[in-house]
Each structure stands twice: as structure tokens, then as C-alpha cells.
Amino acid sequence: MKTLAKMLGKRVEYPGPNTLEHHQPGNYWKDDAGEWHGITPNGHSCWLINHHVEEHEDGSISVVAGTWGSNSILVSGRKGFVLWHGAIDKGVWKEF
């Protein structure tokens, strides 16, 4: 799959459930339940619950493929309209 655009993401601390508007595109974090979330490079919120997230020693993350599923992150809106499609590799958001 061809990569269209890349953006270096930033791991941030989870500020709580009512402060998501403070996150900037490319940010990602783990919530109090241990679940990963992020803000796509074009500003859409994504919950990575259906993906396997691998943490690296430097604090960055990768969404990896395996028997549990794909590394492909698909964020869709109303009526299935695609808002963002890509992956995260060592903290870098890669759009497909």
C-alpha cells in the first residue's frame, strides 16, 4: 500500500475524559483503562481498541498486524465515509 503522507506523532499523558479537545493532531495516549487513543493527522479522534498496539522503549507506539488483525487504522464518519486511513509505526502516522 502506498504511503500518501507522514506525520511524527507525540505521546501525551491522559488528561481525563473531558479534555480531549486539548489534544493536537498526531497525539496518542493510553487512558486509565489501558486503552490506546489518538488524534489522526487531520484531526479526527480514534480509539485503537480493535488493534494490537506495541509500545517501544522510547515511549512511541506501533499498531502491528498479526493474528488479531491488521495494522490498518480506518476512521470513518457518517454513512461509512472515510475520514482517515493509515497506520502508526514507531510514533509516525502514515496515511494510505
PDB file of N, CA and C in Angstrom:
ATOM      1  N   MET A   1       0.841  -1.174   0.000  1.00  0.00           N
ATOM      2  CA  MET A   1       0.000   0.000   0.000  1.00  0.00           C
ATOM      3  C   MET A   1       0.890   1.242   0.000  1.00  0.00           C
ATOM      4  N   LYS A   2       0.613   2.198  -0.840  1.00  0.00           N
ATOM      5  CA  LYS A   2       1.414   3.401  -0.965  1.00  0.00           C
ATOM      6  C   LYS A   2       1.110   4.380   0.174  1.00  0.00           C
ATOM      7  N   THR A   3       2.155   4.955   0.755  1.00  0.00           N
ATOM      8  CA  THR A   3       2.000   5.950   1.807  1.00  0.00           C
ATOM      9  C   THR A   3       1.823   7.315   1.162  1.00  0.00           C
ATOM     10  N   LEU A   4       0.763   8.025   1.548  1.00  0.00           N
ATOM     11  CA  LEU A   4       0.486   9.340   0.986  1.00  0.00           C
ATOM     12  C   LEU A   4       1.171  10.453   1.769  1.00  0.00           C
ATOM     13  N   ALA A   5       1.094  10.393   3.092  1.00  0.00           N
ATOM     14  CA  ALA A   5       1.661  11.448   3.933  1.00  0.00           C
ATOM     15  C   ALA A   5       2.091  10.844   5.255  1.00  0.00           C
ATOM     16  N   LYS A   6       3.073  11.489   5.891  1.00  0.00           N
ATOM     17  CA  LYS A   6       3.561  11.040   7.188  1.00  0.00           C
ATOM     18  C   LYS A   6       3.551  12.211   8.164  1.00  0.00           C
ATOM     19  N   MET A   7       3.359  11.871   9.450  1.00  0.00           N
ATOM     20  CA  MET A   7       3.402  12.894  10.495  1.00  0.00           C
ATOM     21  C   MET A   7       3.977  12.263  11.751  1.00  0.00           C
ATOM     22  N   LEU A   8       4.992  12.870  12.316  1.00  0.00           N
ATOM     23  CA  LEU A   8       5.550  12.390  13.570  1.00  0.00           C
ATOM     24  C   LEU A   8       4.565  12.705  14.686  1.00  0.00           C
ATOM     25  N   GLY A   9       4.109  11.661  15.365  1.00  0.00           N
ATOM     26  CA  GLY A   9       3.172  11.830  16.458  1.00  0.00           C
ATOM     27  C   GLY A   9       3.879  12.097  17.766  1.00  0.00           C
ATOM     28  N   LYS A  10       3.077  12.371  18.787  1.00  0.00           N
ATOM     29  CA  LYS A  10       3.626  12.663  20.103  1.00  0.00           C
ATOM     30  C   LYS A  10       2.790  11.945  21.155  1.00  0.00           C
ATOM     31  N   ARG A  11       3.463  11.193  22.019  1.00  0.00           N
ATOM     32  CA  ARG A  11       2.766  10.543  23.127  1.00  0.00           C
ATOM     33  C   ARG A  11       2.531  11.588  24.208  1.00  0.00           C
ATOM     34  N   VAL A  12       1.296  11.661  24.679  1.00  0.00           N
ATOM     35  CA  VAL A  12       0.936  12.621  25.723  1.00  0.00           C
ATOM     36  C   VAL A  12       0.291  11.875  26.888  1.00  0.00           C
ATOM     37  N   GLU A  13       0.287  12.498  28.029  1.00  0.00           N
ATOM     38  CA  GLU A  13      -0.371  11.930  29.202  1.00  0.00           C
ATOM     39  C   GLU A  13      -1.872  12.057  29.044  1.00  0.00           C
ATOM     40  N   TYR A  14      -2.593  11.086  29.564  1.00  0.00           N
ATOM     41  CA  TYR A  14      -4.056  11.114  29.515  1.00  0.00           C
ATOM     42  C   TYR A  14      -4.563  12.168  30.491  1.00  0.00           C
ATOM     43  N   PRO A  15      -5.257  13.191  29.989  1.00  0.00           N
ATOM     44  CA  PRO A  15      -5.707  14.270  30.861  1.00  0.00           C
ATOM     45  C   PRO A  15      -7.084  14.045  31.481  1.00  0.00           C
ATOM     46  N   GLY A  16      -7.765  12.985  31.110  1.00  0.00           N
ATOM     47  CA  GLY A  16      -9.112  12.745  31.610  1.00  0.00           C
ATOM     48  C   GLY A  16     -10.112  12.772  30.476  1.00  0.00           C
ATOM     49  N   PRO A  17     -11.315  12.250  30.733  1.00  0.00           N
ATOM     50  CA  PRO A  17     -12.299  12.073  29.672  1.00  0.00           C
ATOM     51  C   PRO A  17     -12.907  13.345  29.104  1.00  0.00           C
ATOM     52  N   ASN A  18     -12.831  14.449  29.796  1.00  0.00           N
ATOM     53  CA  ASN A  18     -13.497  15.665  29.322  1.00  0.00           C
ATOM     54  C   ASN A  18     -12.546  16.690  28.745  1.00  0.00           C
ATOM     55  N   THR A  19     -11.334  16.301  28.412  1.00  0.00           N
ATOM     56  CA  THR A  19     -10.360  17.266  27.907  1.00  0.00           C
ATOM     57  C   THR A  19      -9.791  16.889  26.546  1.00  0.00           C
ATOM     58  N   LEU A  20     -10.495  16.068  25.799  1.00  0.00           N
ATOM     59  CA  LEU A  20      -9.989  15.614  24.504  1.00  0.00           C
ATOM     60  C   LEU A  20      -9.761  16.748  23.516  1.00  0.00           C
ATOM     61  N   GLU A  21     -10.475  17.853  23.671  1.00  0.00           N
ATOM     62  CA  GLU A  21     -10.305  18.968  22.743  1.00  0.00           C
ATOM     63  C   GLU A  21      -8.917  19.596  22.855  1.00  0.00           C
ATOM     64  N   HIS A  22      -8.181  19.283  23.903  1.00  0.00           N
ATOM     65  CA  HIS A  22      -6.837  19.830  24.085  1.00  0.00           C
ATOM     66  C   HIS A  22      -5.779  19.050  23.314  1.00  0.00           C
ATOM     67  N   HIS A  23      -6.141  17.922  22.749  1.00  0.00           N
ATOM     68  CA  HIS A  23      -5.174  17.113  22.010  1.00  0.00           C
ATOM     69  C   HIS A  23      -4.978  17.653  20.602  1.00  0.00           C
ATOM     70  N   GLN A  24      -3.758  17.587  20.166  1.00  0.00           N
ATOM     71  CA  GLN A  24      -3.397  18.073  18.850  1.00  0.00           C
ATOM     72  C   GLN A  24      -3.272  16.905  17.867  1.00  0.00           C
ATOM     73  N   PRO A  25      -3.450  17.163  16.570  1.00  0.00           N
ATOM     74  CA  PRO A  25      -3.268  16.102  15.581  1.00  0.00           C
ATOM     75  C   PRO A  25      -1.916  15.413  15.745  1.00  0.00           C
ATOM     76  N   GLY A  26      -1.946  14.080  15.684  1.00  0.00           N
ATOM     77  CA  GLY A  26      -0.741  13.275  15.827  1.00  0.00           C
ATOM     78  C   GLY A  26      -0.502  12.765  17.239  1.00  0.00           C
ATOM     79  N   ASN A  27      -1.184  13.347  18.224  1.00  0.00           N
ATOM     80  CA  ASN A  27      -1.005  12.893  19.603  1.00  0.00           C
ATOM     81  C   ASN A  27      -1.658  11.530  19.814  1.00  0.00           C
ATOM     82  N   TYR A  28      -1.092  10.753  20.728  1.00  0.00           N
ATOM     83  CA  TYR A  28      -1.682   9.476  21.126  1.00  0.00           C
ATOM     84  C   TYR A  28      -1.423   9.272  22.606  1.00  0.00           C
ATOM     85  N   TRP A  29      -2.303   8.480  23.255  1.00  0.00           N
ATOM     86  CA  TRP A  29      -2.204   8.279  24.697  1.00  0.00           C
ATOM     87  C   TRP A  29      -2.919   7.008  25.115  1.00  0.00           C
ATOM     88  N   LYS A  30      -2.586   6.568  26.324  1.00  0.00           N
ATOM     89  CA  LYS A  30      -3.238   5.415  26.933  1.00  0.00           C
ATOM     90  C   LYS A  30      -4.125   5.945  28.053  1.00  0.00           C
ATOM     91  N   ASP A  31      -5.399   5.525  28.065  1.00  0.00           N
ATOM     92  CA  ASP A  31      -6.320   6.019  29.087  1.00  0.00           C
ATOM     93  C   ASP A  31      -6.182   5.222  30.385  1.00  0.00           C
ATOM     94  N   ASP A  32      -6.991   5.568  31.382  1.00  0.00           N
ATOM     95  CA  ASP A  32      -6.929   4.917  32.694  1.00  0.00           C
ATOM     96  C   ASP A  32      -7.225   3.420  32.632  1.00  0.00           C
ATOM     97  N   ALA A  33      -7.949   2.978  31.602  1.00  0.00           N
ATOM     98  CA  ALA A  33      -8.277   1.559  31.435  1.00  0.00           C
ATOM     99  C   ALA A  33      -7.193   0.814  30.647  1.00  0.00           C
ATOM    100  N   GLY A  34      -6.150   1.529  30.235  1.00  0.00           N
ATOM    101  CA  GLY A  34      -5.073   0.907  29.472  1.00  0.00           C
ATOM    102  C   GLY A  34      -5.348   0.811  27.987  1.00  0.00           C
ATOM    103  N   GLU A  35      -6.347   1.541  27.497  1.00  0.00           N
ATOM    104  CA  GLU A  35      -6.700   1.509  26.074  1.00  0.00           C
ATOM    105  C   GLU A  35      -6.096   2.713  25.357  1.00  0.00           C
ATOM    106  N   TRP A  36      -5.637   2.459  24.139  1.00  0.00           N
ATOM    107  CA  TRP A  36      -4.969   3.496  23.351  1.00  0.00           C
ATOM    108  C   TRP A  36      -5.951   4.313  22.521  1.00  0.00           C
ATOM    109  N   HIS A  37      -5.667   5.597  22.401  1.00  0.00           N
ATOM    110  CA  HIS A  37      -6.455   6.552  21.625  1.00  0.00           C
ATOM    111  C   HIS A  37      -5.480   7.457  20.881  1.00  0.00           C
ATOM    112  N   GLY A  38      -5.984   8.140  19.889  1.00  0.00           N
ATOM    113  CA  GLY A  38      -5.151   9.095  19.170  1.00  0.00           C
ATOM    114  C   GLY A  38      -5.983  10.113  18.430  1.00  0.00           C
ATOM    115  N   ILE A  39      -5.287  11.115  17.938  1.00  0.00           N
ATOM    116  CA  ILE A  39      -5.891  12.126  17.066  1.00  0.00           C
ATOM    117  C   ILE A  39      -5.170  12.014  15.731  1.00  0.00           C
ATOM    118  N   THR A  40      -5.890  11.662  14.690  1.00  0.00           N
ATOM    119  CA  THR A  40      -5.283  11.484  13.378  1.00  0.00           C
ATOM    120  C   THR A  40      -4.642  12.786  12.904  1.00  0.00           C
ATOM    121  N   PRO A  41      -3.739  12.714  11.948  1.00  0.00           N
ATOM    122  CA  PRO A  41      -3.108  13.933  11.440  1.00  0.00           C
ATOM    123  C   PRO A  41      -4.097  14.980  10.924  1.00  0.00           C
ATOM    124  N   ASN A  42      -5.273  14.544  10.485  1.00  0.00           N
ATOM    125  CA  ASN A  42      -6.268  15.520  10.024  1.00  0.00           C
ATOM    126  C   ASN A  42      -7.293  15.850  11.109  1.00  0.00           C
ATOM    127  N   GLY A  43      -7.002  15.484  12.360  1.00  0.00           N
ATOM    128  CA  GLY A  43      -7.795  15.961  13.492  1.00  0.00           C
ATOM    129  C   GLY A  43      -8.947  15.116  13.983  1.00  0.00           C
ATOM    130  N   HIS A  44      -9.059  13.869  13.541  1.00  0.00           N
ATOM    131  CA  HIS A  44     -10.157  13.011  13.978  1.00  0.00           C
ATOM    132  C   HIS A  44      -9.720  12.090  15.111  1.00  0.00           C
ATOM    133  N   SER A  45     -10.596  11.913  16.056  1.00  0.00           N
ATOM    134  CA  SER A  45     -10.328  11.047  17.197  1.00  0.00           C
ATOM    135  C   SER A  45     -10.423   9.588  16.779  1.00  0.00           C
ATOM    136  N   CYS A  46      -9.510   8.765  17.274  1.00  0.00           N
ATOM    137  CA  CYS A  46      -9.598   7.328  17.002  1.00  0.00           C
ATOM    138  C   CYS A  46      -9.293   6.549  18.277  1.00  0.00           C
ATOM    139  N   TRP A  47     -10.000   5.466  18.440  1.00  0.00           N
ATOM    140  CA  TRP A  47      -9.856   4.571  19.576  1.00  0.00           C
ATOM    141  C   TRP A  47      -9.270   3.290  19.016  1.00  0.00           C
ATOM    142  N   LEU A  48      -8.125   2.884  19.499  1.00  0.00           N
ATOM    143  CA  LEU A  48      -7.395   1.767  18.918  1.00  0.00           C
ATOM    144  C   LEU A  48      -7.713   0.437  19.578  1.00  0.00           C
ATOM    145  N   ILE A  49      -8.923   0.302  20.108  1.00  0.00           N
ATOM    146  CA  ILE A  49      -9.306  -0.907  20.843  1.00  0.00           C
ATOM    147  C   ILE A  49      -9.289  -2.162  19.970  1.00  0.00           C
ATOM    148  N   ASN A  50      -9.530  -2.032  18.687  1.00  0.00           N
ATOM    149  CA  ASN A  50      -9.562  -3.195  17.795  1.00  0.00           C
ATOM    150  C   ASN A  50      -8.205  -3.512  17.179  1.00  0.00           C
ATOM    151  N   HIS A  51      -7.158  -2.934  17.727  1.00  0.00           N
ATOM    152  CA  HIS A  51      -5.812  -3.109  17.183  1.00  0.00           C
ATOM    153  C   HIS A  51      -4.850  -3.567  18.268  1.00  0.00           C
ATOM    154  N   HIS A  52      -3.778  -4.199  17.840  1.00  0.00           N
ATOM    155  CA  HIS A  52      -2.704  -4.555  18.773  1.00  0.00           C
ATOM    156  C   HIS A  52      -1.687  -3.425  18.729  1.00  0.00           C
ATOM    157  N   VAL A  53      -1.480  -2.779  19.870  1.00  0.00           N
ATOM    158  CA  VAL A  53      -0.534  -1.669  19.969  1.00  0.00           C
ATOM    159  C   VAL A  53       0.712  -2.151  20.694  1.00  0.00           C
ATOM    160  N   GLU A  54       1.837  -1.915  20.084  1.00  0.00           N
ATOM    161  CA  GLU A  54       3.125  -2.295  20.659  1.00  0.00           C
ATOM    162  C   GLU A  54       3.826  -1.033  21.153  1.00  0.00           C
ATOM    163  N   GLU A  55       4.233  -1.033  22.421  1.00  0.00           N
ATOM    164  CA  GLU A  55       4.965   0.095  22.984  1.00  0.00           C
ATOM    165  C   GLU A  55       6.462  -0.138  22.806  1.00  0.00           C
ATOM    166  N   HIS A  56       7.178   0.908  22.434  1.00  0.00           N
ATOM    167  CA  HIS A  56       8.621   0.836  22.252  1.00  0.00           C
ATOM    168  C   HIS A  56       9.325   1.482  23.446  1.00  0.00           C
ATOM    169  N   GLU A  57      10.587   1.171  23.620  1.00  0.00           N
ATOM    170  CA  GLU A  57      11.349   1.686  24.763  1.00  0.00           C
ATOM    171  C   GLU A  57      11.367   3.207  24.835  1.00  0.00           C
ATOM    172  N   ASP A  58      11.307   3.877  23.686  1.00  0.00           N
ATOM    173  CA  ASP A  58      11.339   5.336  23.681  1.00  0.00           C
ATOM    174  C   ASP A  58       9.972   5.958  23.969  1.00  0.00           C
ATOM    175  N   GLY A  59       8.946   5.120  24.227  1.00  0.00           N
ATOM    176  CA  GLY A  59       7.598   5.621  24.521  1.00  0.00           C
ATOM    177  C   GLY A  59       6.706   5.713  23.304  1.00  0.00           C
ATOM    178  N   SER A  60       7.277   5.546  22.116  1.00  0.00           N
ATOM    179  CA  SER A  60       6.454   5.586  20.906  1.00  0.00           C
ATOM    180  C   SER A  60       5.675   4.280  20.787  1.00  0.00           C
ATOM    181  N   ILE A  61       4.714   4.262  19.872  1.00  0.00           N
ATOM    182  CA  ILE A  61       3.903   3.063  19.658  1.00  0.00           C
ATOM    183  C   ILE A  61       3.858   2.703  18.180  1.00  0.00           C
ATOM    184  N   SER A  62       3.516   1.438  17.938  1.00  0.00           N
ATOM    185  CA  SER A  62       3.222   0.958  16.586  1.00  0.00           C
ATOM    186  C   SER A  62       1.941   0.148  16.669  1.00  0.00           C
ATOM    187  N   VAL A  63       1.080   0.295  15.682  1.00  0.00           N
ATOM    188  CA  VAL A  63      -0.072  -0.588  15.532  1.00  0.00           C
ATOM    189  C   VAL A  63       0.409  -1.678  14.598  1.00  0.00           C
ATOM    190  N   VAL A  64       0.435  -2.912  15.096  1.00  0.00           N
ATOM    191  CA  VAL A  64       1.050  -4.001  14.348  1.00  0.00           C
ATOM    192  C   VAL A  64       0.018  -5.025  13.887  1.00  0.00           C
ATOM    193  N   ALA A  65       0.327  -5.671  12.781  1.00  0.00           N
ATOM    194  CA  ALA A  65      -0.534  -6.720  12.237  1.00  0.00           C
ATOM    195  C   ALA A  65      -0.188  -8.055  12.885  1.00  0.00           C
ATOM    196  N   GLY A  66      -1.149  -8.947  12.893  1.00  0.00           N
ATOM    197  CA  GLY A  66      -0.940 -10.284  13.425  1.00  0.00           C
ATOM    198  C   GLY A  66      -2.231 -11.073  13.340  1.00  0.00           C
ATOM    199  N   THR A  67      -2.291 -12.162  14.064  1.00  0.00           N
ATOM    200  CA  THR A  67      -3.494 -12.994  14.028  1.00  0.00           C
ATOM    201  C   THR A  67      -4.716 -12.272  14.573  1.00  0.00           C
ATOM    202  N   TRP A  68      -4.523 -11.220  15.335  1.00  0.00           N
ATOM    203  CA  TRP A  68      -5.614 -10.443  15.926  1.00  0.00           C
ATOM    204  C   TRP A  68      -6.173  -9.414  14.954  1.00  0.00           C
ATOM    205  N   GLY A  69      -5.463  -9.139  13.862  1.00  0.00           N
ATOM    206  CA  GLY A  69      -5.974  -8.173  12.899  1.00  0.00           C
ATOM    207  C   GLY A  69      -4.871  -7.456  12.141  1.00  0.00           C
ATOM    208  N   SER A  70      -5.245  -6.369  11.544  1.00  0.00           N
ATOM    209  CA  SER A  70      -4.389  -5.606  10.648  1.00  0.00           C
ATOM    210  C   SER A  70      -3.745  -4.423  11.369  1.00  0.00           C
ATOM    211  N   ASN A  71      -2.721  -3.851  10.746  1.00  0.00           N
ATOM    212  CA  ASN A  71      -2.151  -2.609  11.260  1.00  0.00           C
ATOM    213  C   ASN A  71      -2.892  -1.396  10.696  1.00  0.00           C
ATOM    214  N   SER A  72      -3.848  -1.630   9.833  1.00  0.00           N
ATOM    215  CA  SER A  72      -4.604  -0.573   9.172  1.00  0.00           C
ATOM    216  C   SER A  72      -5.607   0.070  10.124  1.00  0.00           C
ATOM    217  N   ILE A  73      -5.503   1.384  10.281  1.00  0.00           N
ATOM    218  CA  ILE A  73      -6.431   2.149  11.115  1.00  0.00           C
ATOM    219  C   ILE A  73      -7.387   2.875  10.171  1.00  0.00           C
ATOM    220  N   LEU A  74      -8.663   2.583  10.284  1.00  0.00           N
ATOM    221  CA  LEU A  74      -9.672   3.201   9.430  1.00  0.00           C
ATOM    222  C   LEU A  74     -10.632   3.983  10.315  1.00  0.00           C
ATOM    223  N   VAL A  75     -10.655   5.292  10.128  1.00  0.00           N
ATOM    224  CA  VAL A  75     -11.553   6.156  10.887  1.00  0.00           C
ATOM    225  C   VAL A  75     -12.644   6.606   9.928  1.00  0.00           C
ATOM    226  N   SER A  76     -13.882   6.284  10.268  1.00  0.00           N
ATOM    227  CA  SER A  76     -14.981   6.628   9.366  1.00  0.00           C
ATOM    228  C   SER A  76     -16.021   7.467  10.090  1.00  0.00           C
ATOM    229  N   GLY A  77     -16.755   8.195   9.291  1.00  0.00           N
ATOM    230  CA  GLY A  77     -17.804   9.060   9.814  1.00  0.00           C
ATOM    231  C   GLY A  77     -19.171   8.522   9.460  1.00  0.00           C
ATOM    232  N   ARG A  78     -20.097   9.403   9.329  1.00  0.00           N
ATOM    233  CA  ARG A  78     -21.465   9.031   8.987  1.00  0.00           C
ATOM    234  C   ARG A  78     -21.519   8.303   7.652  1.00  0.00           C
ATOM    235  N   LYS A  79     -22.375   7.322   7.604  1.00  0.00           N
ATOM    236  CA  LYS A  79     -22.604   6.532   6.399  1.00  0.00           C
ATOM    237  C   LYS A  79     -21.321   5.893   5.862  1.00  0.00           C
ATOM    238  N   GLY A  80     -20.354   5.644   6.753  1.00  0.00           N
ATOM    239  CA  GLY A  80     -19.138   4.954   6.353  1.00  0.00           C
ATOM    240  C   GLY A  80     -18.124   5.796   5.599  1.00  0.00           C
ATOM    241  N   PHE A  81     -18.336   7.097   5.520  1.00  0.00           N
ATOM    242  CA  PHE A  81     -17.404   7.976   4.819  1.00  0.00           C
ATOM    243  C   PHE A  81     -16.034   7.922   5.505  1.00  0.00           C
ATOM    244  N   VAL A  82     -14.984   7.650   4.756  1.00  0.00           N
ATOM    245  CA  VAL A  82     -13.635   7.522   5.317  1.00  0.00           C
ATOM    246  C   VAL A  82     -13.084   8.908   5.656  1.00  0.00           C
ATOM    247  N   LEU A  83     -12.732   9.080   6.947  1.00  0.00           N
ATOM    248  CA  LEU A  83     -12.152  10.333   7.417  1.00  0.00           C
ATOM    249  C   LEU A  83     -10.627  10.289   7.405  1.00  0.00           C
ATOM    250  N   TRP A  84     -10.071   9.113   7.709  1.00  0.00           N
ATOM    251  CA  TRP A  84      -8.621   8.918   7.674  1.00  0.00           C
ATOM    252  C   TRP A  84      -8.342   7.432   7.612  1.00  0.00           C
ATOM    253  N   HIS A  85      -7.311   7.047   6.860  1.00  0.00           N
ATOM    254  CA  HIS A  85      -6.916   5.647   6.752  1.00  0.00           C
ATOM    255  C   HIS A  85      -5.401   5.588   6.724  1.00  0.00           C
ATOM    256  N   GLY A  86      -4.825   4.810   7.640  1.00  0.00           N
ATOM    257  CA  GLY A  86      -3.384   4.698   7.680  1.00  0.00           C
ATOM    258  C   GLY A  86      -2.911   3.769   8.779  1.00  0.00           C
ATOM    259  N   ALA A  87      -1.729   4.063   9.328  1.00  0.00           N
ATOM    260  CA  ALA A  87      -1.115   3.230  10.348  1.00  0.00           C
ATOM    261  C   ALA A  87      -0.236   4.109  11.231  1.00  0.00           C
ATOM    262  N   ILE A  88       0.227   3.532  12.337  1.00  0.00           N
ATOM    263  CA  ILE A  88       1.214   4.193  13.191  1.00  0.00           C
ATOM    264  C   ILE A  88       2.400   3.244  13.298  1.00  0.00           C
ATOM    265  N   ASP A  89       3.578   3.737  12.957  1.00  0.00           N
ATOM    266  CA  ASP A  89       4.797   2.940  13.026  1.00  0.00           C
ATOM    267  C   ASP A  89       5.856   3.720  13.793  1.00  0.00           C
ATOM    268  N   LYS A  90       6.181   3.249  14.997  1.00  0.00           N
ATOM    269  CA  LYS A  90       7.162   3.902  15.874  1.00  0.00           C
ATOM    270  C   LYS A  90       6.846   5.381  16.049  1.00  0.00           C
ATOM    271  N   GLY A  91       5.566   5.664  16.291  1.00  0.00           N
ATOM    272  CA  GLY A  91       5.127   7.023  16.549  1.00  0.00           C
ATOM    273  C   GLY A  91       4.843   7.870  15.334  1.00  0.00           C
ATOM    274  N   VAL A  92       5.089   7.333  14.141  1.00  0.00           N
ATOM    275  CA  VAL A  92       4.851   8.078  12.898  1.00  0.00           C
ATOM    276  C   VAL A  92       3.523   7.625  12.296  1.00  0.00           C
ATOM    277  N   TRP A  93       2.628   8.587  12.121  1.00  0.00           N
ATOM    278  CA  TRP A  93       1.340   8.322  11.464  1.00  0.00           C
ATOM    279  C   TRP A  93       1.591   8.308   9.963  1.00  0.00           C
ATOM    280  N   LYS A  94       1.140   7.245   9.284  1.00  0.00           N
ATOM    281  CA  LYS A  94       1.338   7.098   7.845  1.00  0.00           C
ATOM    282  C   LYS A  94      -0.022   6.934   7.184  1.00  0.00           C
ATOM    283  N   GLU A  95      -0.365   7.883   6.332  1.00  0.00           N
ATOM    284  CA  GLU A  95      -1.650   7.827   5.635  1.00  0.00           C
ATOM    285  C   GLU A  95      -1.548   6.955   4.394  1.00  0.00           C
ATOM    286  N   PHE A  96      -2.586   6.158   4.151  1.00  0.00           N
ATOM    287  CA  PHE A  96      -2.641   5.320   2.946  1.00  0.00           C
ATOM    288  C   PHE A  96      -3.512   5.979   1.897  1.00  0.00           C
TER     289      PHE A  96
END
